[in-house]
Amino acid sequence: MARTPKPHSAKVVELLQPGSFVKLRNQPSDLPPFQVLRCRGGRCWVQQQAWGPLVQWEVEHHKLTSVA
């Protein structure tokens, strides 16, 4: 008797547009949001506006949430 494969549950990933603002999932409330520079391959590059254009931080996409 053949087994029916279980359907894979689709993983919904929040769309983070360049220029939008995000927070880390466990970010302290006194730290301002980060600005998204770009996302690719499950990673996003973000920065604090006060850091200047040459300082960026690479963060796994699932650790970020958009600021509404």
C-alpha atoms as a PDB file:
ATOM      1  CA  MET A   1       0.000   0.000   0.000  1.00  0.00           C
ATOM      2  CA  ALA A   2       1.500   3.334  -1.041  1.00  0.00           C
ATOM      3  CA  ARG A   3       1.776   6.096   1.510  1.00  0.00           C
ATOM      4  CA  THR A   4       0.445   9.493   0.606  1.00  0.00           C
ATOM      5  CA  PRO A   5       3.073  12.158   1.242  1.00  0.00           C
ATOM      6  CA  LYS A   6       2.105  14.816   3.738  1.00  0.00           C
ATOM      7  CA  PRO A   7       1.705  18.243   2.186  1.00  0.00           C
ATOM      8  CA  HIS A   8       4.427  20.624   3.272  1.00  0.00           C
ATOM      9  CA  SER A   9       3.121  23.529   5.255  1.00  0.00           C
ATOM     10  CA  ALA A  10       3.882  26.737   3.417  1.00  0.00           C
ATOM     11  CA  LYS A  11       6.133  29.073   5.333  1.00  0.00           C
ATOM     12  CA  VAL A  12       4.773  32.601   5.086  1.00  0.00           C
ATOM     13  CA  VAL A  13       7.515  35.213   5.103  1.00  0.00           C
ATOM     14  CA  GLU A  14       6.711  38.837   5.776  1.00  0.00           C
ATOM     15  CA  LEU A  15       7.671  41.097   2.872  1.00  0.00           C
ATOM     16  CA  LEU A  16      10.201  43.667   4.043  1.00  0.00           C
ATOM     17  CA  GLN A  17      10.648  46.406   1.461  1.00  0.00           C
ATOM     18  CA  PRO A  18      13.851  48.475   1.244  1.00  0.00           C
ATOM     19  CA  GLY A  19      13.305  51.719   3.129  1.00  0.00           C
ATOM     20  CA  SER A  20      10.809  50.194   5.559  1.00  0.00           C
ATOM     21  CA  PHE A  21      11.480  50.051   9.285  1.00  0.00           C
ATOM     22  CA  VAL A  22      11.801  46.867  11.325  1.00  0.00           C
ATOM     23  CA  LYS A  23      12.553  45.707  14.842  1.00  0.00           C
ATOM     24  CA  LEU A  24      14.281  42.602  16.100  1.00  0.00           C
ATOM     25  CA  ARG A  25      11.863  40.108  17.634  1.00  0.00           C
ATOM     26  CA  ASN A  26      13.322  40.744  21.124  1.00  0.00           C
ATOM     27  CA  GLN A  27      14.519  44.324  20.614  1.00  0.00           C
ATOM     28  CA  PRO A  28      14.650  46.570  23.705  1.00  0.00           C
ATOM     29  CA  SER A  29      12.011  49.306  23.649  1.00  0.00           C
ATOM     30  CA  ASP A  30      14.604  52.083  24.011  1.00  0.00           C
ATOM     31  CA  LEU A  31      16.375  51.100  20.748  1.00  0.00           C
ATOM     32  CA  PRO A  32      14.900  52.784  17.650  1.00  0.00           C
ATOM     33  CA  PRO A  33      13.771  50.712  14.646  1.00  0.00           C
ATOM     34  CA  PHE A  34      16.227  49.649  11.958  1.00  0.00           C
ATOM     35  CA  GLN A  35      15.843  50.656   8.313  1.00  0.00           C
ATOM     36  CA  VAL A  36      15.865  47.836   5.734  1.00  0.00           C
ATOM     37  CA  LEU A  37      18.464  48.313   3.016  1.00  0.00           C
ATOM     38  CA  ARG A  38      17.826  45.037   1.146  1.00  0.00           C
ATOM     39  CA  CYS A  39      16.797  41.405   1.679  1.00  0.00           C
ATOM     40  CA  ARG A  40      18.074  38.362  -0.169  1.00  0.00           C
ATOM     41  CA  GLY A  41      18.291  34.641   0.487  1.00  0.00           C
ATOM     42  CA  GLY A  42      16.718  34.720   3.946  1.00  0.00           C
ATOM     43  CA  ARG A  43      18.878  37.589   5.162  1.00  0.00           C
ATOM     44  CA  CYS A  44      18.324  41.329   5.401  1.00  0.00           C
ATOM     45  CA  TRP A  45      20.811  44.163   5.650  1.00  0.00           C
ATOM     46  CA  VAL A  46      19.652  46.862   8.045  1.00  0.00           C
ATOM     47  CA  GLN A  47      21.045  49.994   9.622  1.00  0.00           C
ATOM     48  CA  GLN A  48      20.271  52.588  12.224  1.00  0.00           C
ATOM     49  CA  GLN A  49      19.909  56.003  10.616  1.00  0.00           C
ATOM     50  CA  ALA A  50      22.434  57.423  13.103  1.00  0.00           C
ATOM     51  CA  TRP A  51      25.104  54.908  11.987  1.00  0.00           C
ATOM     52  CA  GLY A  52      25.734  56.541   8.626  1.00  0.00           C
ATOM     53  CA  PRO A  53      25.645  54.862   5.202  1.00  0.00           C
ATOM     54  CA  LEU A  54      28.792  52.740   5.592  1.00  0.00           C
ATOM     55  CA  VAL A  55      27.663  50.712   8.626  1.00  0.00           C
ATOM     56  CA  GLN A  56      25.233  47.854   7.932  1.00  0.00           C
ATOM     57  CA  TRP A  57      24.143  44.797   9.881  1.00  0.00           C
ATOM     58  CA  GLU A  58      23.198  41.461   8.300  1.00  0.00           C
ATOM     59  CA  VAL A  59      20.283  39.801  10.128  1.00  0.00           C
ATOM     60  CA  GLU A  60      18.313  36.618   9.443  1.00  0.00           C
ATOM     61  CA  HIS A  61      14.922  37.548   7.991  1.00  0.00           C
ATOM     62  CA  HIS A  62      12.939  35.526  10.546  1.00  0.00           C
ATOM     63  CA  LYS A  63      14.415  37.603  13.394  1.00  0.00           C
ATOM     64  CA  LEU A  64      12.813  40.804  12.067  1.00  0.00           C
ATOM     65  CA  THR A  65       9.283  42.148  12.223  1.00  0.00           C
ATOM     66  CA  SER A  66       7.919  45.226  10.462  1.00  0.00           C
ATOM     67  CA  VAL A  67       6.998  48.331  12.401  1.00  0.00           C
ATOM     68  CA  ALA A  68       3.338  49.136  11.788  1.00  0.00           C
END
